[in-house]
Amino acid sequence: MTLPRQRRIWHGWLGQALGLLIVAATLHADPAAFKKANELFYAKQYDEAAAAYQKLSTEGSSANLLFNMGNAYFKADELGRALAAYHRALLLSPRNPDIVKNLRFTQQKVLSEPVPQTLRQQWLRKISLNEWTLIASFFATILLILLTLRQVKKINGPSVLWAQVTGGITFITILLLIMAVADYSGNNRVFAVRDGVIVRSNPVEQSPELFQATDGMEFVVIESNGAFLNVRSGSGTTGWIHEDDLALTRP
């Protein structure tokens, strides 16, 4: 679904579009609460708007909601939480130009390198998980129709070839769907939520400090231990961060 035309709020000389996507029909959350959150944003109560969007996202997310949440966090100068929201929105609407533009603009304001995506991640994430599901379902349905026609009408010749071709395509699309599900559920990117987040050598509060992360610094989670996550930055450095200091992109 094409995201609706939005009000544009130009930020700085780069003119980032931070308008709200106000179509509530696609939301799985309360439309009235979504409208109230939008009103808070327009009233420049960005912290309150972000909190309202965050609460709504626990009830059901859409690209619209997550995009608006990212905008509210950005305007509230919470870059890490904004990046996490934009990444989550992009998983649902990977080719939306507004989400892509705001994500890139926010990344430019962060004083660290993002964690590069693998070629497989780049390719799989060009299509959303819902779209992969629809593609696999489509070819599986066509295959079942061809097999049923062949069985009922005893059709041979070209129909057999078409069934074989469709069967091969169906197998490939199902395999890709499985890979997309694994990528979606295993999304392990996180972002520091403020300047001065302490990265420690071990998963305990008393362990030595390795360095301090800046707001929006991106990491990949390697493992967890209690309330701490073992993470790796874009530059390859590793350490342990308390989970309360990180914003997750995992749904």
C-alpha atoms as a PDB file:
ATOM      1  CA  MET A   1       0.000   0.000   0.000  1.00  0.00           C
ATOM      2  CA  THR A   2       1.301   3.397  -0.912  1.00  0.00           C
ATOM      3  CA  LEU A   3       1.878   5.550   2.113  1.00  0.00           C
ATOM      4  CA  PRO A   4      -0.283   8.687   2.078  1.00  0.00           C
ATOM      5  CA  ARG A   5       0.884  12.154   1.208  1.00  0.00           C
ATOM      6  CA  GLN A   6       2.278  13.700   4.345  1.00  0.00           C
ATOM      7  CA  ARG A   7       2.800  17.040   5.931  1.00  0.00           C
ATOM      8  CA  ARG A   8       6.478  18.007   5.560  1.00  0.00           C
ATOM      9  CA  ILE A   9       8.518  19.576   8.303  1.00  0.00           C
ATOM     10  CA  TRP A  10      11.913  20.746   7.075  1.00  0.00           C
ATOM     11  CA  HIS A  11      14.727  20.259   9.514  1.00  0.00           C
ATOM     12  CA  GLY A  12      17.879  22.297   8.918  1.00  0.00           C
ATOM     13  CA  TRP A  13      19.401  23.058   5.569  1.00  0.00           C
ATOM     14  CA  LEU A  14      19.172  19.464   4.399  1.00  0.00           C
ATOM     15  CA  GLY A  15      15.385  19.750   4.649  1.00  0.00           C
ATOM     16  CA  GLN A  16      14.559  16.333   6.049  1.00  0.00           C
ATOM     17  CA  ALA A  17      10.918  15.372   5.681  1.00  0.00           C
ATOM     18  CA  LEU A  18       9.534  14.587   9.105  1.00  0.00           C
ATOM     19  CA  GLY A  19       5.842  14.693   8.363  1.00  0.00           C
ATOM     20  CA  LEU A  20       3.411  12.264   9.918  1.00  0.00           C
ATOM     21  CA  LEU A  21       1.718   9.443   8.072  1.00  0.00           C
ATOM     22  CA  ILE A  22      -1.801   9.817   9.330  1.00  0.00           C
ATOM     23  CA  VAL A  23      -3.656   6.927   7.714  1.00  0.00           C
ATOM     24  CA  ALA A  24      -4.946   4.949  10.682  1.00  0.00           C
ATOM     25  CA  ALA A  25      -6.808   2.415   8.562  1.00  0.00           C
ATOM     26  CA  THR A  26      -3.665   0.308   8.194  1.00  0.00           C
ATOM     27  CA  LEU A  27      -2.939   0.289  11.898  1.00  0.00           C
ATOM     28  CA  HIS A  28      -3.557  -2.710  14.109  1.00  0.00           C
ATOM     29  CA  ALA A  29      -3.692  -0.376  17.103  1.00  0.00           C
ATOM     30  CA  ASP A  30      -6.321   2.062  18.395  1.00  0.00           C
ATOM     31  CA  PRO A  31      -7.008   4.704  15.686  1.00  0.00           C
ATOM     32  CA  ALA A  32      -8.101   7.252  18.301  1.00  0.00           C
ATOM     33  CA  ALA A  33      -4.871   6.804  20.254  1.00  0.00           C
ATOM     34  CA  PHE A  34      -2.886   7.081  17.005  1.00  0.00           C
ATOM     35  CA  LYS A  35      -4.635  10.359  16.226  1.00  0.00           C
ATOM     36  CA  LYS A  36      -3.881  11.646  19.732  1.00  0.00           C
ATOM     37  CA  ALA A  37      -0.193  10.755  19.303  1.00  0.00           C
ATOM     38  CA  ASN A  38      -0.153  12.670  15.997  1.00  0.00           C
ATOM     39  CA  GLU A  39      -1.699  15.691  17.725  1.00  0.00           C
ATOM     40  CA  LEU A  40       1.061  15.602  20.343  1.00  0.00           C
ATOM     41  CA  PHE A  41       3.632  15.612  17.548  1.00  0.00           C
ATOM     42  CA  TYR A  42       2.044  18.592  15.811  1.00  0.00           C
ATOM     43  CA  ALA A  43       1.961  20.391  19.168  1.00  0.00           C
ATOM     44  CA  LYS A  44       5.747  19.832  19.333  1.00  0.00           C
ATOM     45  CA  GLN A  45       5.410  17.647  22.413  1.00  0.00           C
ATOM     46  CA  TYR A  46       7.851  15.186  20.924  1.00  0.00           C
ATOM     47  CA  ASP A  47       8.720  13.217  24.064  1.00  0.00           C
ATOM     48  CA  GLU A  48       5.045  12.629  24.804  1.00  0.00           C
ATOM     49  CA  ALA A  49       4.328  11.743  21.178  1.00  0.00           C
ATOM     50  CA  ALA A  50       7.195   9.240  21.094  1.00  0.00           C
ATOM     51  CA  ALA A  51       5.955   7.617  24.304  1.00  0.00           C
ATOM     52  CA  ALA A  52       2.436   7.395  22.860  1.00  0.00           C
ATOM     53  CA  TYR A  53       3.685   5.781  19.633  1.00  0.00           C
ATOM     54  CA  GLN A  54       5.850   3.400  21.642  1.00  0.00           C
ATOM     55  CA  LYS A  55       2.856   2.280  23.705  1.00  0.00           C
ATOM     56  CA  LEU A  56       0.805   1.777  20.543  1.00  0.00           C
ATOM     57  CA  SER A  57       3.572  -0.315  18.976  1.00  0.00           C
ATOM     58  CA  THR A  58       3.202  -2.894  21.758  1.00  0.00           C
ATOM     59  CA  GLU A  59      -0.413  -3.425  20.682  1.00  0.00           C
ATOM     60  CA  GLY A  60       0.288  -3.741  16.953  1.00  0.00           C
ATOM     61  CA  SER A  61       2.748  -2.151  14.537  1.00  0.00           C
ATOM     62  CA  SER A  62       2.587  -0.807  11.005  1.00  0.00           C
ATOM     63  CA  ALA A  63       5.084   1.040   8.828  1.00  0.00           C
ATOM     64  CA  ASN A  64       3.069   4.230   9.411  1.00  0.00           C
ATOM     65  CA  LEU A  65       3.217   3.955  13.188  1.00  0.00           C
ATOM     66  CA  LEU A  66       6.915   3.097  13.321  1.00  0.00           C
ATOM     67  CA  PHE A  67       7.797   5.861  10.859  1.00  0.00           C
ATOM     68  CA  ASN A  68       5.947   8.427  12.961  1.00  0.00           C
ATOM     69  CA  MET A  69       7.595   7.077  16.096  1.00  0.00           C
ATOM     70  CA  GLY A  70      11.008   7.481  14.498  1.00  0.00           C
ATOM     71  CA  ASN A  71      10.183  11.071  13.569  1.00  0.00           C
ATOM     72  CA  ALA A  72       9.084  11.857  17.122  1.00  0.00           C
ATOM     73  CA  TYR A  73      12.245  10.381  18.609  1.00  0.00           C
ATOM     74  CA  PHE A  74      14.357  12.280  16.084  1.00  0.00           C
ATOM     75  CA  LYS A  75      12.715  15.595  16.986  1.00  0.00           C
ATOM     76  CA  ALA A  76      13.227  14.730  20.653  1.00  0.00           C
ATOM     77  CA  ASP A  77      16.980  14.297  19.913  1.00  0.00           C
ATOM     78  CA  GLU A  78      16.914  10.572  20.678  1.00  0.00           C
ATOM     79  CA  LEU A  79      18.812   9.333  17.653  1.00  0.00           C
ATOM     80  CA  GLY A  80      19.269   5.742  18.770  1.00  0.00           C
ATOM     81  CA  ARG A  81      15.574   5.175  19.364  1.00  0.00           C
ATOM     82  CA  ALA A  82      14.768   6.958  16.086  1.00  0.00           C
ATOM     83  CA  LEU A  83      17.103   4.672  14.136  1.00  0.00           C
ATOM     84  CA  ALA A  84      15.595   1.570  15.731  1.00  0.00           C
ATOM     85  CA  ALA A  85      12.079   2.735  14.799  1.00  0.00           C
ATOM     86  CA  TYR A  86      13.085   3.541  11.200  1.00  0.00           C
ATOM     87  CA  HIS A  87      14.748   0.137  10.813  1.00  0.00           C
ATOM     88  CA  ARG A  88      11.610  -1.591  12.090  1.00  0.00           C
ATOM     89  CA  ALA A  89       9.473   0.454   9.690  1.00  0.00           C
ATOM     90  CA  LEU A  90      11.776  -0.472   6.815  1.00  0.00           C
ATOM     91  CA  LEU A  91      11.275  -4.173   7.515  1.00  0.00           C
ATOM     92  CA  LEU A  92       7.554  -3.671   6.874  1.00  0.00           C
ATOM     93  CA  SER A  93       7.902  -1.258   3.947  1.00  0.00           C
ATOM     94  CA  PRO A  94      11.441  -1.740   2.565  1.00  0.00           C
ATOM     95  CA  ARG A  95      11.091   0.392  -0.573  1.00  0.00           C
ATOM     96  CA  ASN A  96       9.324   3.396   0.927  1.00  0.00           C
ATOM     97  CA  PRO A  97      11.382   6.473  -0.045  1.00  0.00           C
ATOM     98  CA  ASP A  98      10.395   8.570   2.988  1.00  0.00           C
ATOM     99  CA  ILE A  99      11.533   5.914   5.454  1.00  0.00           C
ATOM    100  CA  VAL A 100      14.784   5.379   3.545  1.00  0.00           C
ATOM    101  CA  LYS A 101      15.463   9.124   3.377  1.00  0.00           C
ATOM    102  CA  ASN A 102      14.829   9.779   7.073  1.00  0.00           C
ATOM    103  CA  LEU A 103      16.899   6.765   8.071  1.00  0.00           C
ATOM    104  CA  ARG A 104      19.878   7.934   6.007  1.00  0.00           C
ATOM    105  CA  PHE A 105      19.581  11.483   7.294  1.00  0.00           C
ATOM    106  CA  THR A 106      19.565  10.278  10.900  1.00  0.00           C
ATOM    107  CA  GLN A 107      22.551   8.007  10.251  1.00  0.00           C
ATOM    108  CA  GLN A 108      24.494  11.063   9.033  1.00  0.00           C
ATOM    109  CA  LYS A 109      23.992  12.726  12.400  1.00  0.00           C
ATOM    110  CA  VAL A 110      25.417   9.757  14.310  1.00  0.00           C
ATOM    111  CA  LEU A 111      29.123   9.951  15.083  1.00  0.00           C
ATOM    112  CA  SER A 112      29.881   6.303  14.312  1.00  0.00           C
ATOM    113  CA  GLU A 113      29.830   3.850  11.434  1.00  0.00           C
ATOM    114  CA  PRO A 114      26.757   1.626  10.949  1.00  0.00           C
ATOM    115  CA  VAL A 115      27.175  -2.123  10.942  1.00  0.00           C
ATOM    116  CA  PRO A 116      27.285  -3.181   7.257  1.00  0.00           C
ATOM    117  CA  GLN A 117      24.646  -5.577   5.996  1.00  0.00           C
ATOM    118  CA  THR A 118      25.624  -8.822   4.328  1.00  0.00           C
ATOM    119  CA  LEU A 119      24.776  -9.294   0.651  1.00  0.00           C
ATOM    120  CA  ARG A 120      22.116 -11.824   1.645  1.00  0.00           C
ATOM    121  CA  GLN A 121      20.505  -9.330   4.037  1.00  0.00           C
ATOM    122  CA  GLN A 122      20.571  -6.593   1.411  1.00  0.00           C
ATOM    123  CA  TRP A 123      18.888  -8.853  -1.129  1.00  0.00           C
ATOM    124  CA  LEU A 124      16.282 -10.409   1.183  1.00  0.00           C
ATOM    125  CA  ARG A 125      15.283  -7.059   2.695  1.00  0.00           C
ATOM    126  CA  LYS A 126      14.378  -5.533  -0.636  1.00  0.00           C
ATOM    127  CA  ILE A 127      11.080  -7.386  -0.152  1.00  0.00           C
ATOM    128  CA  SER A 128       9.094  -7.454   3.081  1.00  0.00           C
ATOM    129  CA  LEU A 129       8.288 -10.683   4.903  1.00  0.00           C
ATOM    130  CA  ASN A 130       4.608 -10.297   3.962  1.00  0.00           C
ATOM    131  CA  GLU A 131       5.575  -9.960   0.310  1.00  0.00           C
ATOM    132  CA  TRP A 132       7.785 -13.056   0.444  1.00  0.00           C
ATOM    133  CA  THR A 133       4.834 -14.927   1.963  1.00  0.00           C
ATOM    134  CA  LEU A 134       2.488 -13.766  -0.813  1.00  0.00           C
ATOM    135  CA  ILE A 135       4.975 -14.729  -3.543  1.00  0.00           C
ATOM    136  CA  ALA A 136       5.494 -18.225  -2.122  1.00  0.00           C
ATOM    137  CA  SER A 137       1.744 -18.674  -1.607  1.00  0.00           C
ATOM    138  CA  PHE A 138       1.001 -17.588  -5.171  1.00  0.00           C
ATOM    139  CA  PHE A 139       3.321 -20.117  -6.789  1.00  0.00           C
ATOM    140  CA  ALA A 140       2.226 -22.872  -4.395  1.00  0.00           C
ATOM    141  CA  THR A 141      -1.407 -22.203  -5.357  1.00  0.00           C
ATOM    142  CA  ILE A 142      -0.597 -22.295  -9.088  1.00  0.00           C
ATOM    143  CA  LEU A 143       1.237 -25.590  -8.590  1.00  0.00           C
ATOM    144  CA  LEU A 144      -1.724 -27.138  -6.772  1.00  0.00           C
ATOM    145  CA  ILE A 145      -4.085 -26.005  -9.541  1.00  0.00           C
ATOM    146  CA  LEU A 146      -1.876 -27.526 -12.245  1.00  0.00           C
ATOM    147  CA  LEU A 147      -1.524 -30.802 -10.354  1.00  0.00           C
ATOM    148  CA  THR A 148      -5.268 -30.944  -9.745  1.00  0.00           C
ATOM    149  CA  LEU A 149      -6.066 -30.314 -13.418  1.00  0.00           C
ATOM    150  CA  ARG A 150      -3.600 -32.976 -14.466  1.00  0.00           C
ATOM    151  CA  GLN A 151      -5.115 -35.492 -12.051  1.00  0.00           C
ATOM    152  CA  VAL A 152      -8.732 -34.750 -12.906  1.00  0.00           C
ATOM    153  CA  LYS A 153      -8.401 -34.373 -16.673  1.00  0.00           C
ATOM    154  CA  LYS A 154      -5.435 -36.699 -17.144  1.00  0.00           C
ATOM    155  CA  ILE A 155      -3.630 -33.986 -19.088  1.00  0.00           C
ATOM    156  CA  ASN A 156      -0.139 -34.797 -20.299  1.00  0.00           C
ATOM    157  CA  GLY A 157       2.362 -33.107 -22.598  1.00  0.00           C
ATOM    158  CA  PRO A 158       2.982 -29.375 -22.017  1.00  0.00           C
ATOM    159  CA  SER A 159       1.003 -29.327 -18.759  1.00  0.00           C
ATOM    160  CA  VAL A 160       3.507 -31.722 -17.196  1.00  0.00           C
ATOM    161  CA  LEU A 161       6.367 -29.400 -18.103  1.00  0.00           C
ATOM    162  CA  TRP A 162       4.511 -26.389 -16.690  1.00  0.00           C
ATOM    163  CA  ALA A 163       3.873 -28.282 -13.456  1.00  0.00           C
ATOM    164  CA  GLN A 164       7.554 -29.183 -13.184  1.00  0.00           C
ATOM    165  CA  VAL A 165       8.645 -25.601 -13.831  1.00  0.00           C
ATOM    166  CA  THR A 166       6.112 -24.232 -11.356  1.00  0.00           C
ATOM    167  CA  GLY A 167       7.172 -26.843  -8.821  1.00  0.00           C
ATOM    168  CA  GLY A 168      10.786 -25.698  -9.121  1.00  0.00           C
ATOM    169  CA  ILE A 169       9.844 -22.055  -8.739  1.00  0.00           C
ATOM    170  CA  THR A 170       7.645 -22.898  -5.753  1.00  0.00           C
ATOM    171  CA  PHE A 171      10.497 -24.736  -4.058  1.00  0.00           C
ATOM    172  CA  ILE A 172      12.837 -21.780  -4.569  1.00  0.00           C
ATOM    173  CA  THR A 173      10.329 -19.212  -3.290  1.00  0.00           C
ATOM    174  CA  ILE A 174       9.545 -21.304  -0.206  1.00  0.00           C
ATOM    175  CA  LEU A 175      13.274 -21.615   0.477  1.00  0.00           C
ATOM    176  CA  LEU A 176      13.650 -17.841   0.154  1.00  0.00           C
ATOM    177  CA  LEU A 177      10.662 -17.350   2.456  1.00  0.00           C
ATOM    178  CA  ILE A 178      12.306 -19.549   5.084  1.00  0.00           C
ATOM    179  CA  MET A 179      15.493 -17.478   4.773  1.00  0.00           C
ATOM    180  CA  ALA A 180      13.471 -14.250   5.079  1.00  0.00           C
ATOM    181  CA  VAL A 181      11.691 -15.523   8.206  1.00  0.00           C
ATOM    182  CA  ALA A 182      15.033 -16.450   9.768  1.00  0.00           C
ATOM    183  CA  ASP A 183      16.442 -13.013   8.918  1.00  0.00           C
ATOM    184  CA  TYR A 184      13.365 -11.224  10.279  1.00  0.00           C
ATOM    185  CA  SER A 185      13.192 -13.163  13.543  1.00  0.00           C
ATOM    186  CA  GLY A 186      16.965 -13.092  13.990  1.00  0.00           C
ATOM    187  CA  ASN A 187      17.354  -9.355  13.495  1.00  0.00           C
ATOM    188  CA  ASN A 188      19.987  -8.546  16.114  1.00  0.00           C
ATOM    189  CA  ARG A 189      20.851  -4.890  15.473  1.00  0.00           C
ATOM    190  CA  VAL A 190      20.671  -2.512  18.416  1.00  0.00           C
ATOM    191  CA  PHE A 191      21.426   1.179  19.013  1.00  0.00           C
ATOM    192  CA  ALA A 192      22.799   3.098  21.977  1.00  0.00           C
ATOM    193  CA  VAL A 193      20.012   5.348  23.288  1.00  0.00           C
ATOM    194  CA  ARG A 194      22.144   8.227  24.633  1.00  0.00           C
ATOM    195  CA  ASP A 195      25.650   9.615  24.748  1.00  0.00           C
ATOM    196  CA  GLY A 196      27.901   8.049  27.346  1.00  0.00           C
ATOM    197  CA  VAL A 197      26.507   4.501  27.256  1.00  0.00           C
ATOM    198  CA  ILE A 198      29.172   2.408  28.972  1.00  0.00           C
ATOM    199  CA  VAL A 199      30.567  -0.600  27.143  1.00  0.00           C
ATOM    200  CA  ARG A 200      32.091  -2.993  29.688  1.00  0.00           C
ATOM    201  CA  SER A 201      34.520  -5.870  29.467  1.00  0.00           C
ATOM    202  CA  ASN A 202      32.190  -8.321  31.242  1.00  0.00           C
ATOM    203  CA  PRO A 203      28.441  -8.640  31.907  1.00  0.00           C
ATOM    204  CA  VAL A 204      28.510  -7.138  35.419  1.00  0.00           C
ATOM    205  CA  GLU A 205      28.184  -3.553  36.620  1.00  0.00           C
ATOM    206  CA  GLN A 206      31.567  -3.647  38.394  1.00  0.00           C
ATOM    207  CA  SER A 207      33.538  -4.773  35.323  1.00  0.00           C
ATOM    208  CA  PRO A 208      36.052  -2.359  33.731  1.00  0.00           C
ATOM    209  CA  GLU A 209      34.840   0.180  31.192  1.00  0.00           C
ATOM    210  CA  LEU A 210      36.142  -0.341  27.660  1.00  0.00           C
ATOM    211  CA  PHE A 211      34.694   2.785  26.056  1.00  0.00           C
ATOM    212  CA  GLN A 212      31.569   4.929  25.916  1.00  0.00           C
ATOM    213  CA  ALA A 213      29.112   4.773  23.043  1.00  0.00           C
ATOM    214  CA  THR A 214      27.450   7.828  21.530  1.00  0.00           C
ATOM    215  CA  ASP A 215      23.728   8.215  20.936  1.00  0.00           C
ATOM    216  CA  GLY A 216      22.716   6.167  17.894  1.00  0.00           C
ATOM    217  CA  MET A 217      25.878   4.054  17.759  1.00  0.00           C
ATOM    218  CA  GLU A 218      24.966   0.781  16.073  1.00  0.00           C
ATOM    219  CA  PHE A 219      25.851  -2.703  17.317  1.00  0.00           C
ATOM    220  CA  VAL A 220      25.126  -6.324  16.507  1.00  0.00           C
ATOM    221  CA  VAL A 221      24.177  -8.570  19.411  1.00  0.00           C
ATOM    222  CA  ILE A 222      26.413 -11.617  19.757  1.00  0.00           C
ATOM    223  CA  GLU A 223      24.930 -13.153  22.914  1.00  0.00           C
ATOM    224  CA  SER A 224      23.142 -12.225  26.117  1.00  0.00           C
ATOM    225  CA  ASN A 225      23.877 -12.806  29.778  1.00  0.00           C
ATOM    226  CA  GLY A 226      21.197 -11.708  32.206  1.00  0.00           C
ATOM    227  CA  ALA A 227      20.485  -8.008  31.668  1.00  0.00           C
ATOM    228  CA  PHE A 228      23.638  -7.524  29.575  1.00  0.00           C
ATOM    229  CA  LEU A 229      24.163  -7.976  25.847  1.00  0.00           C
ATOM    230  CA  ASN A 230      27.483  -8.807  24.242  1.00  0.00           C
ATOM    231  CA  VAL A 231      27.705  -6.553  21.195  1.00  0.00           C
ATOM    232  CA  ARG A 232      29.981  -5.758  18.267  1.00  0.00           C
ATOM    233  CA  SER A 233      30.224  -2.279  16.725  1.00  0.00           C
ATOM    234  CA  GLY A 234      30.660  -1.339  13.077  1.00  0.00           C
ATOM    235  CA  SER A 235      34.394  -0.953  13.674  1.00  0.00           C
ATOM    236  CA  GLY A 236      34.633  -4.479  15.093  1.00  0.00           C
ATOM    237  CA  THR A 237      35.061  -3.634  18.796  1.00  0.00           C
ATOM    238  CA  THR A 238      33.141  -5.799  21.246  1.00  0.00           C
ATOM    239  CA  GLY A 239      31.904  -5.455  24.789  1.00  0.00           C
ATOM    240  CA  TRP A 240      28.914  -5.735  27.117  1.00  0.00           C
ATOM    241  CA  ILE A 241      26.085  -3.178  27.431  1.00  0.00           C
ATOM    242  CA  HIS A 242      23.099  -3.178  29.759  1.00  0.00           C
ATOM    243  CA  GLU A 243      19.914  -3.848  27.793  1.00  0.00           C
ATOM    244  CA  ASP A 244      18.247  -0.696  29.177  1.00  0.00           C
ATOM    245  CA  ASP A 245      20.837   1.388  27.289  1.00  0.00           C
ATOM    246  CA  LEU A 246      19.944  -0.114  23.911  1.00  0.00           C
ATOM    247  CA  ALA A 247      17.037   0.206  21.461  1.00  0.00           C
ATOM    248  CA  LEU A 248      16.213  -3.008  19.616  1.00  0.00           C
ATOM    249  CA  THR A 249      15.206  -3.444  15.981  1.00  0.00           C
ATOM    250  CA  ARG A 250      13.871  -6.928  16.627  1.00  0.00           C
ATOM    251  CA  PRO A 251      10.051  -6.796  16.539  1.00  0.00           C
END
